[in-house]
Amino acid sequence: MFFHRFRVRYHETDPQKFLFNSRYLEYADVAMTEFFRSLGWSYPELLQAGFDPSVVSSTLDFHRPAYLDDWVDAEVVCTRIGTSSFTLRFSFSTTGRPVCTVESVYVNVDPATASSRPIPAEIAHQIRLSQPALAEPTC
């Protein structure tokens, strides 16, 4: 499991003083970058290794609001890894209470062709090592 913490800032709130709904996708993007940094790769290093993940699908489930100045904790879990795609679940909470869950599917993209390409083996291996529920493939 990986955790990253955010503080809700004024410009991220809506007129109801809630963290605006689209901000959770921004938080997920930052948490994804920090997840890979925790595995030993900065974003430029990922790109050099041939790993350029792009979001192809995201779903958000809202549980309760987060407010201005709240600390929001993001738990990041990789729930699936395939040949060229993977899924991350972001569980956002304040004071241990769930506020939003985001599930995003990413595809490793070759920017020259705008098509999918396999996740580099070393990166896939590191992801699996960080996620006990994901076993190495046996074949």
N, C-alpha and C. Protein backbone atom coordinates (compact mmCIF):
# COMPACT_ATOMS: atom_id res chain seq x y z
N MET A 1 0.83 -1.18 0.00
CA MET A 1 0.00 0.00 0.00
C MET A 1 0.88 1.25 0.00
N PHE A 2 0.38 2.26 -0.65
CA PHE A 2 1.07 3.55 -0.69
C PHE A 2 0.08 4.63 -0.29
N PHE A 3 0.55 5.60 0.49
CA PHE A 3 -0.30 6.71 0.92
C PHE A 3 0.35 8.04 0.54
N HIS A 4 -0.49 8.99 0.16
CA HIS A 4 -0.04 10.36 -0.09
C HIS A 4 -1.08 11.29 0.53
N ARG A 5 -0.61 12.40 1.08
CA ARG A 5 -1.51 13.31 1.81
C ARG A 5 -1.62 14.66 1.09
N PHE A 6 -2.84 15.19 1.09
CA PHE A 6 -3.13 16.48 0.50
C PHE A 6 -3.83 17.36 1.53
N ARG A 7 -3.65 18.67 1.42
CA ARG A 7 -4.42 19.63 2.21
C ARG A 7 -5.37 20.34 1.25
N VAL A 8 -6.65 20.37 1.56
CA VAL A 8 -7.62 21.04 0.68
C VAL A 8 -7.37 22.55 0.75
N ARG A 9 -7.09 23.13 -0.40
CA ARG A 9 -6.80 24.56 -0.49
C ARG A 9 -8.04 25.32 -0.98
N TYR A 10 -8.08 26.59 -0.67
CA TYR A 10 -9.25 27.41 -0.97
C TYR A 10 -9.67 27.32 -2.44
N HIS A 11 -8.71 27.43 -3.35
CA HIS A 11 -9.06 27.45 -4.78
C HIS A 11 -9.55 26.09 -5.29
N GLU A 12 -9.48 25.06 -4.46
CA GLU A 12 -9.96 23.73 -4.85
C GLU A 12 -11.41 23.48 -4.42
N THR A 13 -12.00 24.43 -3.72
CA THR A 13 -13.36 24.23 -3.20
C THR A 13 -14.40 24.88 -4.10
N ASP A 14 -15.64 24.42 -3.94
CA ASP A 14 -16.76 24.96 -4.70
C ASP A 14 -17.56 25.92 -3.80
N PRO A 15 -18.66 26.50 -4.30
CA PRO A 15 -19.43 27.43 -3.47
C PRO A 15 -19.97 26.82 -2.17
N GLN A 16 -20.11 25.49 -2.13
CA GLN A 16 -20.57 24.84 -0.90
C GLN A 16 -19.43 24.62 0.09
N LYS A 17 -18.23 25.03 -0.30
CA LYS A 17 -17.00 24.85 0.49
C LYS A 17 -16.57 23.39 0.56
N PHE A 18 -17.05 22.59 -0.40
CA PHE A 18 -16.61 21.19 -0.55
C PHE A 18 -15.41 21.18 -1.50
N LEU A 19 -14.56 20.19 -1.35
CA LEU A 19 -13.54 19.95 -2.36
C LEU A 19 -14.29 19.66 -3.66
N PHE A 20 -14.05 20.45 -4.71
CA PHE A 20 -14.79 20.31 -5.96
C PHE A 20 -14.52 18.94 -6.57
N ASN A 21 -15.56 18.33 -7.13
CA ASN A 21 -15.49 16.93 -7.56
C ASN A 21 -14.35 16.63 -8.52
N SER A 22 -14.06 17.51 -9.48
CA SER A 22 -13.00 17.22 -10.45
C SER A 22 -11.61 17.21 -9.82
N ARG A 23 -11.48 17.81 -8.66
CA ARG A 23 -10.17 17.86 -8.00
C ARG A 23 -9.69 16.47 -7.59
N TYR A 24 -10.62 15.55 -7.38
CA TYR A 24 -10.20 14.19 -7.02
C TYR A 24 -9.40 13.55 -8.14
N LEU A 25 -9.72 13.88 -9.39
CA LEU A 25 -8.92 13.35 -10.51
C LEU A 25 -7.53 13.98 -10.52
N GLU A 26 -7.44 15.26 -10.16
CA GLU A 26 -6.13 15.89 -10.04
C GLU A 26 -5.34 15.24 -8.90
N TYR A 27 -5.99 15.03 -7.77
CA TYR A 27 -5.32 14.37 -6.65
C TYR A 27 -4.86 12.96 -7.05
N ALA A 28 -5.70 12.24 -7.79
CA ALA A 28 -5.33 10.90 -8.24
C ALA A 28 -4.10 10.96 -9.14
N ASP A 29 -4.03 11.96 -10.01
CA ASP A 29 -2.88 12.10 -10.90
C ASP A 29 -1.60 12.33 -10.11
N VAL A 30 -1.65 13.20 -9.12
CA VAL A 30 -0.48 13.45 -8.27
C VAL A 30 -0.12 12.19 -7.49
N ALA A 31 -1.12 11.52 -6.93
CA ALA A 31 -0.87 10.30 -6.15
C ALA A 31 -0.27 9.20 -7.01
N MET A 32 -0.70 9.10 -8.28
CA MET A 32 -0.12 8.11 -9.19
C MET A 32 1.36 8.40 -9.41
N THR A 33 1.70 9.66 -9.65
CA THR A 33 3.10 10.03 -9.84
C THR A 33 3.92 9.71 -8.59
N GLU A 34 3.39 10.01 -7.42
CA GLU A 34 4.11 9.74 -6.17
C GLU A 34 4.20 8.24 -5.89
N PHE A 35 3.19 7.48 -6.30
CA PHE A 35 3.24 6.02 -6.17
C PHE A 35 4.45 5.48 -6.93
N PHE A 36 4.62 5.91 -8.18
CA PHE A 36 5.77 5.43 -8.95
C PHE A 36 7.08 5.96 -8.40
N ARG A 37 7.09 7.18 -7.86
CA ARG A 37 8.30 7.70 -7.23
C ARG A 37 8.68 6.81 -6.04
N SER A 38 7.67 6.33 -5.30
CA SER A 38 7.94 5.46 -4.14
C SER A 38 8.53 4.12 -4.58
N LEU A 39 8.30 3.75 -5.85
CA LEU A 39 8.87 2.50 -6.38
C LEU A 39 10.26 2.73 -6.96
N GLY A 40 10.72 3.98 -6.95
CA GLY A 40 12.09 4.27 -7.39
C GLY A 40 12.22 4.99 -8.71
N TRP A 41 11.09 5.42 -9.29
CA TRP A 41 11.16 6.11 -10.58
C TRP A 41 10.52 7.49 -10.51
N SER A 42 11.28 8.51 -10.90
CA SER A 42 10.66 9.81 -11.12
C SER A 42 9.92 9.73 -12.46
N TYR A 43 9.06 10.70 -12.72
CA TYR A 43 8.32 10.64 -13.98
C TYR A 43 9.25 10.70 -15.20
N PRO A 44 10.27 11.57 -15.22
CA PRO A 44 11.19 11.55 -16.36
C PRO A 44 11.88 10.19 -16.54
N GLU A 45 12.19 9.52 -15.43
CA GLU A 45 12.81 8.19 -15.53
C GLU A 45 11.84 7.16 -16.11
N LEU A 46 10.56 7.27 -15.75
CA LEU A 46 9.56 6.37 -16.33
C LEU A 46 9.50 6.55 -17.85
N LEU A 47 9.49 7.81 -18.27
CA LEU A 47 9.43 8.08 -19.71
C LEU A 47 10.65 7.52 -20.43
N GLN A 48 11.83 7.69 -19.82
CA GLN A 48 13.06 7.15 -20.42
C GLN A 48 13.02 5.63 -20.51
N ALA A 49 12.32 4.99 -19.58
CA ALA A 49 12.23 3.53 -19.57
C ALA A 49 11.16 3.01 -20.53
N GLY A 50 10.47 3.91 -21.23
CA GLY A 50 9.43 3.47 -22.17
C GLY A 50 8.08 3.29 -21.53
N PHE A 51 7.84 4.00 -20.44
CA PHE A 51 6.57 3.89 -19.71
C PHE A 51 5.91 5.25 -19.68
N ASP A 52 4.81 5.39 -20.39
CA ASP A 52 4.08 6.65 -20.48
C ASP A 52 2.59 6.36 -20.31
N PRO A 53 2.14 6.19 -19.06
CA PRO A 53 0.75 5.79 -18.83
C PRO A 53 -0.24 6.93 -19.09
N SER A 54 -1.31 6.58 -19.78
CA SER A 54 -2.40 7.52 -20.04
C SER A 54 -3.70 6.94 -19.50
N VAL A 55 -4.50 7.80 -18.90
CA VAL A 55 -5.80 7.37 -18.37
C VAL A 55 -6.75 7.10 -19.54
N VAL A 56 -7.38 5.93 -19.52
CA VAL A 56 -8.40 5.62 -20.53
C VAL A 56 -9.79 5.53 -19.91
N SER A 57 -9.85 5.38 -18.59
CA SER A 57 -11.15 5.30 -17.92
C SER A 57 -10.97 5.64 -16.45
N SER A 58 -11.91 6.41 -15.92
CA SER A 58 -11.93 6.69 -14.48
C SER A 58 -13.37 6.69 -14.00
N THR A 59 -13.59 6.09 -12.84
CA THR A 59 -14.89 6.17 -12.19
C THR A 59 -14.68 6.75 -10.80
N LEU A 60 -15.62 7.56 -10.37
CA LEU A 60 -15.55 8.19 -9.06
C LEU A 60 -16.80 7.86 -8.28
N ASP A 61 -16.63 7.49 -7.03
CA ASP A 61 -17.74 7.27 -6.12
C ASP A 61 -17.54 8.21 -4.94
N PHE A 62 -18.51 9.08 -4.72
CA PHE A 62 -18.43 10.06 -3.64
C PHE A 62 -19.16 9.52 -2.42
N HIS A 63 -18.51 9.65 -1.26
CA HIS A 63 -19.07 9.12 -0.01
C HIS A 63 -19.52 10.23 0.93
N ARG A 64 -18.73 11.27 1.04
CA ARG A 64 -19.04 12.43 1.87
C ARG A 64 -18.08 13.54 1.46
N PRO A 65 -18.37 14.79 1.78
CA PRO A 65 -17.49 15.86 1.34
C PRO A 65 -16.21 15.99 2.16
N ALA A 66 -15.20 16.52 1.51
CA ALA A 66 -14.00 17.02 2.18
C ALA A 66 -14.11 18.55 2.10
N TYR A 67 -13.61 19.23 3.12
CA TYR A 67 -13.78 20.67 3.24
C TYR A 67 -12.44 21.40 3.22
N LEU A 68 -12.54 22.71 3.03
CA LEU A 68 -11.38 23.58 3.07
C LEU A 68 -10.53 23.28 4.31
N ASP A 69 -9.25 23.12 4.09
CA ASP A 69 -8.23 22.90 5.13
C ASP A 69 -8.21 21.48 5.69
N ASP A 70 -9.10 20.61 5.23
CA ASP A 70 -9.03 19.19 5.64
C ASP A 70 -7.75 18.57 5.11
N TRP A 71 -7.22 17.62 5.85
CA TRP A 71 -6.20 16.72 5.32
C TRP A 71 -6.94 15.59 4.62
N VAL A 72 -6.53 15.30 3.40
CA VAL A 72 -7.10 14.20 2.63
C VAL A 72 -5.99 13.19 2.38
N ASP A 73 -6.20 11.98 2.87
CA ASP A 73 -5.23 10.91 2.66
C ASP A 73 -5.67 10.06 1.48
N ALA A 74 -4.71 9.78 0.61
CA ALA A 74 -4.98 8.93 -0.56
C ALA A 74 -4.22 7.63 -0.40
N GLU A 75 -4.95 6.54 -0.38
CA GLU A 75 -4.34 5.21 -0.41
C GLU A 75 -4.37 4.76 -1.87
N VAL A 76 -3.22 4.34 -2.39
CA VAL A 76 -3.12 3.92 -3.79
C VAL A 76 -2.83 2.43 -3.82
N VAL A 77 -3.68 1.69 -4.53
CA VAL A 77 -3.51 0.24 -4.66
C VAL A 77 -3.64 -0.12 -6.14
N CYS A 78 -2.70 -0.90 -6.63
CA CYS A 78 -2.83 -1.44 -7.98
C CYS A 78 -3.66 -2.71 -7.87
N THR A 79 -4.80 -2.72 -8.54
CA THR A 79 -5.71 -3.87 -8.43
C THR A 79 -5.59 -4.83 -9.61
N ARG A 80 -4.94 -4.37 -10.68
CA ARG A 80 -4.78 -5.22 -11.86
C ARG A 80 -3.62 -4.72 -12.69
N ILE A 81 -2.84 -5.66 -13.22
CA ILE A 81 -1.80 -5.30 -14.17
C ILE A 81 -1.82 -6.30 -15.31
N GLY A 82 -1.89 -5.79 -16.51
CA GLY A 82 -1.90 -6.63 -17.70
C GLY A 82 -0.65 -6.39 -18.53
N THR A 83 -0.71 -6.73 -19.79
CA THR A 83 0.44 -6.57 -20.68
C THR A 83 0.75 -5.10 -20.94
N SER A 84 -0.28 -4.31 -21.24
CA SER A 84 -0.06 -2.91 -21.57
C SER A 84 -0.89 -1.95 -20.71
N SER A 85 -1.71 -2.49 -19.82
CA SER A 85 -2.57 -1.64 -19.00
C SER A 85 -2.54 -2.08 -17.54
N PHE A 86 -2.98 -1.16 -16.69
CA PHE A 86 -3.08 -1.46 -15.25
C PHE A 86 -4.17 -0.59 -14.66
N THR A 87 -4.66 -1.00 -13.49
CA THR A 87 -5.73 -0.28 -12.80
C THR A 87 -5.24 0.12 -11.42
N LEU A 88 -5.45 1.39 -11.09
CA LEU A 88 -5.15 1.89 -9.75
C LEU A 88 -6.45 2.31 -9.08
N ARG A 89 -6.57 1.95 -7.79
CA ARG A 89 -7.69 2.41 -6.97
C ARG A 89 -7.15 3.42 -5.97
N PHE A 90 -7.77 4.58 -5.94
CA PHE A 90 -7.40 5.65 -5.02
C PHE A 90 -8.53 5.78 -4.00
N SER A 91 -8.24 5.51 -2.75
CA SER A 91 -9.24 5.64 -1.69
C SER A 91 -8.89 6.89 -0.89
N PHE A 92 -9.71 7.92 -1.02
CA PHE A 92 -9.48 9.19 -0.34
C PHE A 92 -10.29 9.22 0.95
N SER A 93 -9.65 9.70 2.02
CA SER A 93 -10.34 9.77 3.31
C SER A 93 -9.87 11.00 4.09
N THR A 94 -10.72 11.44 5.01
CA THR A 94 -10.36 12.47 5.97
C THR A 94 -10.61 11.90 7.35
N THR A 95 -9.66 12.05 8.23
CA THR A 95 -9.73 11.51 9.59
C THR A 95 -10.23 10.06 9.60
N GLY A 96 -9.76 9.28 8.63
CA GLY A 96 -10.11 7.87 8.56
C GLY A 96 -11.48 7.56 7.97
N ARG A 97 -12.22 8.59 7.58
CA ARG A 97 -13.56 8.39 7.02
C ARG A 97 -13.50 8.56 5.50
N PRO A 98 -14.03 7.61 4.73
CA PRO A 98 -13.98 7.69 3.27
C PRO A 98 -14.72 8.92 2.74
N VAL A 99 -14.08 9.59 1.76
CA VAL A 99 -14.75 10.71 1.10
C VAL A 99 -14.97 10.43 -0.39
N CYS A 100 -14.05 9.73 -1.02
CA CYS A 100 -14.20 9.45 -2.45
C CYS A 100 -13.31 8.27 -2.82
N THR A 101 -13.78 7.46 -3.75
CA THR A 101 -12.98 6.38 -4.31
C THR A 101 -12.91 6.60 -5.81
N VAL A 102 -11.69 6.56 -6.34
CA VAL A 102 -11.47 6.71 -7.77
C VAL A 102 -10.81 5.43 -8.26
N GLU A 103 -11.30 4.90 -9.35
CA GLU A 103 -10.64 3.77 -9.99
C GLU A 103 -10.30 4.20 -11.41
N SER A 104 -9.01 4.14 -11.74
CA SER A 104 -8.54 4.58 -13.06
C SER A 104 -7.81 3.45 -13.76
N VAL A 105 -8.11 3.30 -15.04
CA VAL A 105 -7.42 2.35 -15.90
C VAL A 105 -6.44 3.16 -16.75
N TYR A 106 -5.20 2.72 -16.76
CA TYR A 106 -4.13 3.37 -17.53
C TYR A 106 -3.63 2.41 -18.60
N VAL A 107 -3.24 2.98 -19.72
CA VAL A 107 -2.61 2.21 -20.79
C VAL A 107 -1.24 2.83 -21.05
N ASN A 108 -0.22 1.98 -21.18
CA ASN A 108 1.10 2.47 -21.54
C ASN A 108 1.08 2.83 -23.02
N VAL A 109 1.37 4.08 -23.33
CA VAL A 109 1.24 4.59 -24.69
C VAL A 109 2.60 4.91 -25.28
N ASP A 110 2.74 4.59 -26.55
CA ASP A 110 3.90 5.03 -27.33
C ASP A 110 3.52 6.38 -27.92
N PRO A 111 4.15 7.47 -27.45
CA PRO A 111 3.72 8.79 -27.91
C PRO A 111 3.96 9.02 -29.41
N ALA A 112 4.90 8.31 -30.00
CA ALA A 112 5.18 8.48 -31.43
C ALA A 112 4.05 7.94 -32.30
N THR A 113 3.37 6.90 -31.81
CA THR A 113 2.31 6.27 -32.61
C THR A 113 0.92 6.44 -32.00
N ALA A 114 0.87 6.95 -30.78
CA ALA A 114 -0.39 7.08 -30.03
C ALA A 114 -1.11 5.75 -29.90
N SER A 115 -0.33 4.67 -29.79
CA SER A 115 -0.92 3.34 -29.61
C SER A 115 -0.33 2.71 -28.36
N SER A 116 -1.01 1.67 -27.88
CA SER A 116 -0.55 1.01 -26.66
C SER A 116 0.71 0.21 -26.94
N ARG A 117 1.47 0.02 -25.88
CA ARG A 117 2.67 -0.81 -25.95
C ARG A 117 2.83 -1.50 -24.60
N PRO A 118 3.56 -2.61 -24.56
CA PRO A 118 3.70 -3.34 -23.30
C PRO A 118 4.35 -2.49 -22.19
N ILE A 119 3.92 -2.76 -20.98
CA ILE A 119 4.56 -2.16 -19.81
C ILE A 119 5.95 -2.79 -19.69
N PRO A 120 7.01 -1.98 -19.56
CA PRO A 120 8.34 -2.56 -19.41
C PRO A 120 8.38 -3.57 -18.25
N ALA A 121 9.05 -4.69 -18.48
CA ALA A 121 9.06 -5.80 -17.52
C ALA A 121 9.54 -5.37 -16.14
N GLU A 122 10.57 -4.54 -16.07
CA GLU A 122 11.11 -4.11 -14.78
C GLU A 122 10.08 -3.31 -13.99
N ILE A 123 9.34 -2.47 -14.67
CA ILE A 123 8.32 -1.65 -14.00
C ILE A 123 7.15 -2.53 -13.55
N ALA A 124 6.71 -3.43 -14.42
CA ALA A 124 5.63 -4.36 -14.05
C ALA A 124 6.03 -5.18 -12.83
N HIS A 125 7.29 -5.63 -12.80
CA HIS A 125 7.79 -6.42 -11.68
C HIS A 125 7.75 -5.60 -10.38
N GLN A 126 8.20 -4.34 -10.44
CA GLN A 126 8.18 -3.48 -9.25
C GLN A 126 6.77 -3.24 -8.75
N ILE A 127 5.84 -3.05 -9.67
CA ILE A 127 4.44 -2.84 -9.27
C ILE A 127 3.95 -4.08 -8.52
N ARG A 128 4.21 -5.25 -9.09
CA ARG A 128 3.76 -6.50 -8.45
C ARG A 128 4.39 -6.68 -7.08
N LEU A 129 5.68 -6.36 -6.96
CA LEU A 129 6.35 -6.49 -5.66
C LEU A 129 5.72 -5.58 -4.61
N SER A 130 5.23 -4.43 -5.04
CA SER A 130 4.66 -3.48 -4.08
C SER A 130 3.23 -3.83 -3.68
N GLN A 131 2.62 -4.76 -4.39
CA GLN A 131 1.22 -5.10 -4.18
C GLN A 131 1.10 -6.59 -3.88
N PRO A 132 1.05 -6.97 -2.62
CA PRO A 132 1.00 -8.39 -2.27
C PRO A 132 -0.12 -9.17 -2.96
N ALA A 133 -1.22 -8.52 -3.28
CA ALA A 133 -2.34 -9.23 -3.91
C ALA A 133 -2.08 -9.55 -5.38
N LEU A 134 -1.07 -8.93 -5.97
CA LEU A 134 -0.75 -9.18 -7.38
C LEU A 134 0.41 -10.16 -7.45
N ALA A 135 0.15 -11.35 -7.90
CA ALA A 135 1.20 -12.35 -8.02
C ALA A 135 1.88 -12.22 -9.37
N GLU A 136 3.15 -12.60 -9.42
CA GLU A 136 3.86 -12.66 -10.70
C GLU A 136 3.17 -13.70 -11.57
N PRO A 137 3.08 -13.44 -12.87
CA PRO A 137 2.50 -14.47 -13.74
C PRO A 137 3.36 -15.73 -13.72
N THR A 138 2.72 -16.86 -13.83
CA THR A 138 3.44 -18.13 -13.77
C THR A 138 3.81 -18.66 -15.14
N CYS A 139 3.36 -18.01 -16.18
CA CYS A 139 3.73 -18.49 -17.52
C CYS A 139 4.46 -17.41 -18.29
